Amino acid sequence: MKCPVPGVYGDDPMREYLIHSYLYYKTGDTILSDQAFDELCAWILKNYDKIDSEWKPLVEKGALKCSTYLKGHYPSVIILYAQVAVMRHAANDKDDMDFLK
């Protein structure tokens, strides 16, 4: 299910949420604005039951309501995706940010 929030790439909004959450809370790097992250959280919360994602067990509705991530642990692959996203964003490869498909 593709998320319509501007700046969110890929076909798994829960993976995107984890990537951007990791960047914000663990590295201080941000690709999404606070407003876009809030919109992403609200969109996921609204569509939570319709979203099929392997990452769903890590994404709690309560955290989405607060636009935060409560578990604190991020899987290694999410960290890797986040690092690649930052490098591509820094290189201004915005047209190539859809690497998560």
N, C-alpha and C. Protein backbone atom coordinates (compact mmCIF):
# COMPACT_ATOMS: atom_id res chain seq x y z
N MET A 1 0.85 -1.18 0.00
CA MET A 1 0.00 0.00 0.00
C MET A 1 0.90 1.23 0.00
N LYS A 2 0.83 1.98 -1.06
CA LYS A 2 1.66 3.18 -1.22
C LYS A 2 1.11 4.34 -0.40
N CYS A 3 1.99 4.97 0.33
CA CYS A 3 1.61 6.11 1.16
C CYS A 3 1.70 7.40 0.35
N PRO A 4 0.69 8.25 0.42
CA PRO A 4 0.69 9.47 -0.38
C PRO A 4 1.42 10.66 0.26
N VAL A 5 2.05 10.48 1.41
CA VAL A 5 2.72 11.59 2.08
C VAL A 5 3.94 12.02 1.26
N PRO A 6 4.04 13.31 0.92
CA PRO A 6 5.19 13.79 0.15
C PRO A 6 6.50 13.49 0.87
N GLY A 7 7.47 13.01 0.11
CA GLY A 7 8.77 12.72 0.69
C GLY A 7 8.93 11.29 1.16
N VAL A 8 7.84 10.53 1.16
CA VAL A 8 7.90 9.13 1.57
C VAL A 8 7.98 8.27 0.32
N TYR A 9 9.00 7.43 0.27
CA TYR A 9 9.26 6.61 -0.90
C TYR A 9 9.08 5.15 -0.55
N GLY A 10 8.94 4.32 -1.56
CA GLY A 10 8.82 2.89 -1.32
C GLY A 10 7.37 2.47 -1.19
N ASP A 11 7.19 1.17 -1.08
CA ASP A 11 5.84 0.62 -1.07
C ASP A 11 5.42 0.08 0.29
N ASP A 12 6.21 0.30 1.32
CA ASP A 12 5.88 -0.18 2.66
C ASP A 12 5.95 0.99 3.64
N PRO A 13 4.82 1.61 3.95
CA PRO A 13 4.84 2.79 4.82
C PRO A 13 5.36 2.50 6.23
N MET A 14 5.19 1.27 6.71
CA MET A 14 5.70 0.96 8.05
C MET A 14 7.22 0.89 8.05
N ARG A 15 7.79 0.38 6.99
CA ARG A 15 9.25 0.38 6.86
C ARG A 15 9.74 1.83 6.79
N GLU A 16 9.04 2.64 6.02
CA GLU A 16 9.40 4.06 5.91
C GLU A 16 9.34 4.75 7.28
N TYR A 17 8.29 4.44 8.02
CA TYR A 17 8.13 5.01 9.37
C TYR A 17 9.33 4.64 10.24
N LEU A 18 9.74 3.39 10.20
CA LEU A 18 10.88 2.94 11.01
C LEU A 18 12.17 3.61 10.56
N ILE A 19 12.36 3.74 9.25
CA ILE A 19 13.56 4.40 8.73
C ILE A 19 13.64 5.85 9.21
N HIS A 20 12.55 6.57 9.04
CA HIS A 20 12.56 7.99 9.41
C HIS A 20 12.58 8.18 10.92
N SER A 21 11.98 7.28 11.63
CA SER A 21 12.05 7.31 13.09
C SER A 21 13.49 7.09 13.56
N TYR A 22 14.15 6.11 12.98
CA TYR A 22 15.55 5.85 13.32
C TYR A 22 16.41 7.09 13.04
N LEU A 23 16.23 7.66 11.86
CA LEU A 23 17.02 8.84 11.52
C LEU A 23 16.81 9.96 12.52
N TYR A 24 15.58 10.21 12.89
CA TYR A 24 15.26 11.33 13.78
C TYR A 24 15.74 11.07 15.21
N TYR A 25 15.40 9.89 15.74
CA TYR A 25 15.66 9.63 17.16
C TYR A 25 17.05 9.10 17.46
N LYS A 26 17.70 8.47 16.49
CA LYS A 26 19.01 7.87 16.77
C LYS A 26 20.19 8.61 16.14
N THR A 27 19.96 9.30 15.03
CA THR A 27 21.09 9.95 14.36
C THR A 27 20.99 11.47 14.32
N GLY A 28 19.80 11.99 14.45
CA GLY A 28 19.60 13.43 14.32
C GLY A 28 19.50 13.88 12.88
N ASP A 29 19.68 12.95 11.94
CA ASP A 29 19.53 13.27 10.52
C ASP A 29 18.05 13.17 10.17
N THR A 30 17.58 14.08 9.38
CA THR A 30 16.19 14.00 8.94
C THR A 30 16.12 14.23 7.44
N ILE A 31 15.24 13.47 6.84
CA ILE A 31 14.95 13.63 5.42
C ILE A 31 13.55 14.21 5.29
N LEU A 32 12.67 13.76 6.18
CA LEU A 32 11.30 14.27 6.20
C LEU A 32 11.18 15.43 7.17
N SER A 33 10.34 16.36 6.86
CA SER A 33 10.04 17.43 7.81
C SER A 33 9.22 16.83 8.96
N ASP A 34 9.16 17.53 10.07
CA ASP A 34 8.33 17.07 11.19
C ASP A 34 6.88 16.91 10.75
N GLN A 35 6.41 17.85 9.94
CA GLN A 35 5.03 17.80 9.46
C GLN A 35 4.80 16.55 8.60
N ALA A 36 5.73 16.23 7.72
CA ALA A 36 5.59 15.04 6.88
C ALA A 36 5.62 13.77 7.71
N PHE A 37 6.48 13.73 8.74
CA PHE A 37 6.53 12.56 9.62
C PHE A 37 5.21 12.41 10.38
N ASP A 38 4.67 13.52 10.86
CA ASP A 38 3.37 13.48 11.54
C ASP A 38 2.27 12.99 10.59
N GLU A 39 2.32 13.45 9.33
CA GLU A 39 1.34 13.00 8.33
C GLU A 39 1.50 11.51 8.05
N LEU A 40 2.74 11.05 7.99
CA LEU A 40 3.01 9.63 7.78
C LEU A 40 2.42 8.81 8.93
N CYS A 41 2.66 9.23 10.15
CA CYS A 41 2.12 8.52 11.32
C CYS A 41 0.59 8.50 11.29
N ALA A 42 -0.01 9.64 10.98
CA ALA A 42 -1.47 9.71 10.93
C ALA A 42 -2.03 8.82 9.82
N TRP A 43 -1.35 8.79 8.68
CA TRP A 43 -1.82 7.97 7.56
C TRP A 43 -1.72 6.48 7.92
N ILE A 44 -0.61 6.08 8.52
CA ILE A 44 -0.45 4.68 8.92
C ILE A 44 -1.51 4.31 9.96
N LEU A 45 -1.72 5.18 10.94
CA LEU A 45 -2.72 4.91 11.97
C LEU A 45 -4.11 4.74 11.36
N LYS A 46 -4.46 5.61 10.44
CA LYS A 46 -5.77 5.54 9.79
C LYS A 46 -5.93 4.25 8.97
N ASN A 47 -4.84 3.79 8.37
CA ASN A 47 -4.88 2.63 7.47
C ASN A 47 -4.26 1.37 8.10
N TYR A 48 -4.00 1.40 9.38
CA TYR A 48 -3.24 0.35 10.08
C TYR A 48 -3.76 -1.06 9.76
N ASP A 49 -5.04 -1.24 9.87
CA ASP A 49 -5.60 -2.59 9.69
C ASP A 49 -5.55 -3.07 8.24
N LYS A 50 -5.37 -2.16 7.29
CA LYS A 50 -5.31 -2.53 5.87
C LYS A 50 -3.88 -2.76 5.39
N ILE A 51 -2.92 -2.34 6.17
CA ILE A 51 -1.52 -2.42 5.74
C ILE A 51 -0.96 -3.81 6.04
N ASP A 52 -0.38 -4.40 5.02
CA ASP A 52 0.29 -5.69 5.16
C ASP A 52 1.79 -5.42 5.13
N SER A 53 2.45 -5.61 6.25
CA SER A 53 3.87 -5.31 6.34
C SER A 53 4.56 -6.25 7.31
N GLU A 54 5.74 -6.70 6.93
CA GLU A 54 6.52 -7.54 7.84
C GLU A 54 6.96 -6.75 9.07
N TRP A 55 6.92 -5.42 8.98
CA TRP A 55 7.36 -4.56 10.07
C TRP A 55 6.24 -4.21 11.05
N LYS A 56 5.05 -4.62 10.76
CA LYS A 56 3.88 -4.27 11.57
C LYS A 56 4.05 -4.60 13.07
N PRO A 57 4.66 -5.74 13.42
CA PRO A 57 4.83 -6.04 14.85
C PRO A 57 5.66 -4.99 15.61
N LEU A 58 6.46 -4.22 14.89
CA LEU A 58 7.27 -3.19 15.54
C LEU A 58 6.58 -1.83 15.63
N VAL A 59 5.47 -1.70 14.94
CA VAL A 59 4.79 -0.39 14.85
C VAL A 59 3.52 -0.42 15.68
N GLU A 60 3.57 0.27 16.81
CA GLU A 60 2.43 0.29 17.74
C GLU A 60 1.53 1.50 17.48
N LYS A 61 0.25 1.26 17.59
CA LYS A 61 -0.72 2.35 17.35
C LYS A 61 -0.50 3.51 18.32
N GLY A 62 -0.18 3.21 19.56
CA GLY A 62 0.06 4.27 20.54
C GLY A 62 1.20 5.17 20.15
N ALA A 63 2.25 4.60 19.59
CA ALA A 63 3.40 5.40 19.14
C ALA A 63 3.01 6.27 17.95
N LEU A 64 2.18 5.71 17.07
CA LEU A 64 1.74 6.49 15.91
C LEU A 64 0.91 7.69 16.34
N LYS A 65 0.09 7.51 17.36
CA LYS A 65 -0.74 8.63 17.86
C LYS A 65 0.13 9.77 18.37
N CYS A 66 1.29 9.42 18.90
CA CYS A 66 2.21 10.43 19.44
C CYS A 66 3.30 10.83 18.45
N SER A 67 3.26 10.26 17.24
CA SER A 67 4.30 10.49 16.23
C SER A 67 5.68 10.20 16.79
N THR A 68 5.82 9.05 17.42
CA THR A 68 7.09 8.65 18.01
C THR A 68 7.30 7.16 17.78
N TYR A 69 8.39 6.64 18.31
CA TYR A 69 8.68 5.20 18.25
C TYR A 69 9.05 4.77 19.65
N LEU A 70 8.26 3.88 20.23
CA LEU A 70 8.41 3.55 21.64
C LEU A 70 9.31 2.36 21.92
N LYS A 71 9.54 1.50 20.97
CA LYS A 71 10.30 0.28 21.24
C LYS A 71 11.79 0.55 21.43
N GLY A 72 12.33 1.51 20.71
CA GLY A 72 13.74 1.87 20.89
C GLY A 72 14.73 1.01 20.13
N HIS A 73 14.38 -0.22 19.80
CA HIS A 73 15.28 -1.11 19.06
C HIS A 73 14.92 -1.06 17.57
N TYR A 74 15.94 -0.95 16.75
CA TYR A 74 15.74 -0.94 15.31
C TYR A 74 16.49 -2.11 14.69
N PRO A 75 15.83 -2.89 13.85
CA PRO A 75 16.52 -4.00 13.18
C PRO A 75 17.67 -3.48 12.31
N SER A 76 18.69 -4.30 12.15
CA SER A 76 19.88 -3.91 11.38
C SER A 76 19.55 -3.47 9.97
N VAL A 77 18.60 -4.13 9.33
CA VAL A 77 18.27 -3.77 7.95
C VAL A 77 17.62 -2.39 7.88
N ILE A 78 16.86 -2.01 8.89
CA ILE A 78 16.28 -0.66 8.93
C ILE A 78 17.39 0.37 9.05
N ILE A 79 18.39 0.08 9.87
CA ILE A 79 19.53 0.99 10.03
C ILE A 79 20.27 1.13 8.70
N LEU A 80 20.45 0.04 8.00
CA LEU A 80 21.11 0.08 6.70
C LEU A 80 20.30 0.90 5.69
N TYR A 81 18.99 0.64 5.61
CA TYR A 81 18.13 1.44 4.72
C TYR A 81 18.24 2.93 5.06
N ALA A 82 18.27 3.24 6.33
CA ALA A 82 18.34 4.63 6.76
C ALA A 82 19.66 5.27 6.33
N GLN A 83 20.74 4.55 6.48
CA GLN A 83 22.05 5.08 6.09
C GLN A 83 22.10 5.33 4.58
N VAL A 84 21.56 4.41 3.80
CA VAL A 84 21.53 4.58 2.35
C VAL A 84 20.64 5.77 1.98
N ALA A 85 19.52 5.91 2.65
CA ALA A 85 18.61 7.03 2.37
C ALA A 85 19.30 8.36 2.63
N VAL A 86 20.06 8.46 3.70
CA VAL A 86 20.77 9.71 4.02
C VAL A 86 21.83 10.00 2.95
N MET A 87 22.56 8.97 2.55
CA MET A 87 23.59 9.18 1.53
C MET A 87 22.98 9.63 0.21
N ARG A 88 21.90 9.01 -0.18
CA ARG A 88 21.24 9.39 -1.44
C ARG A 88 20.63 10.78 -1.34
N HIS A 89 20.06 11.07 -0.20
CA HIS A 89 19.47 12.40 -0.01
C HIS A 89 20.57 13.47 -0.06
N ALA A 90 21.69 13.19 0.58
CA ALA A 90 22.81 14.14 0.59
C ALA A 90 23.37 14.36 -0.81
N ALA A 91 23.30 13.32 -1.64
CA ALA A 91 23.79 13.43 -3.01
C ALA A 91 22.73 14.02 -3.94
N ASN A 92 21.61 14.41 -3.36
CA ASN A 92 20.49 14.98 -4.12
C ASN A 92 19.93 14.02 -5.16
N ASP A 93 19.99 12.74 -4.87
CA ASP A 93 19.40 11.74 -5.75
C ASP A 93 17.94 11.52 -5.40
N LYS A 94 17.19 12.59 -5.32
CA LYS A 94 15.79 12.48 -4.93
C LYS A 94 14.99 11.65 -5.93
N ASP A 95 15.40 11.67 -7.19
CA ASP A 95 14.71 10.85 -8.19
C ASP A 95 15.04 9.37 -8.02
N ASP A 96 16.11 9.10 -7.28
CA ASP A 96 16.55 7.72 -7.09
C ASP A 96 16.26 7.24 -5.66
N MET A 97 15.42 7.96 -4.93
CA MET A 97 15.13 7.60 -3.54
C MET A 97 14.18 6.43 -3.43
N ASP A 98 13.65 5.98 -4.53
CA ASP A 98 12.68 4.89 -4.52
C ASP A 98 13.37 3.52 -4.51
N PHE A 99 14.53 3.44 -3.86
CA PHE A 99 15.32 2.22 -3.84
C PHE A 99 14.69 1.14 -2.96
N LEU A 100 13.66 1.46 -2.23
CA LEU A 100 13.06 0.50 -1.31
C LEU A 100 12.01 -0.38 -1.95
N LYS A 101 11.72 -0.17 -3.21
CA LYS A 101 10.70 -1.00 -3.88
C LYS A 101 11.19 -2.40 -4.06
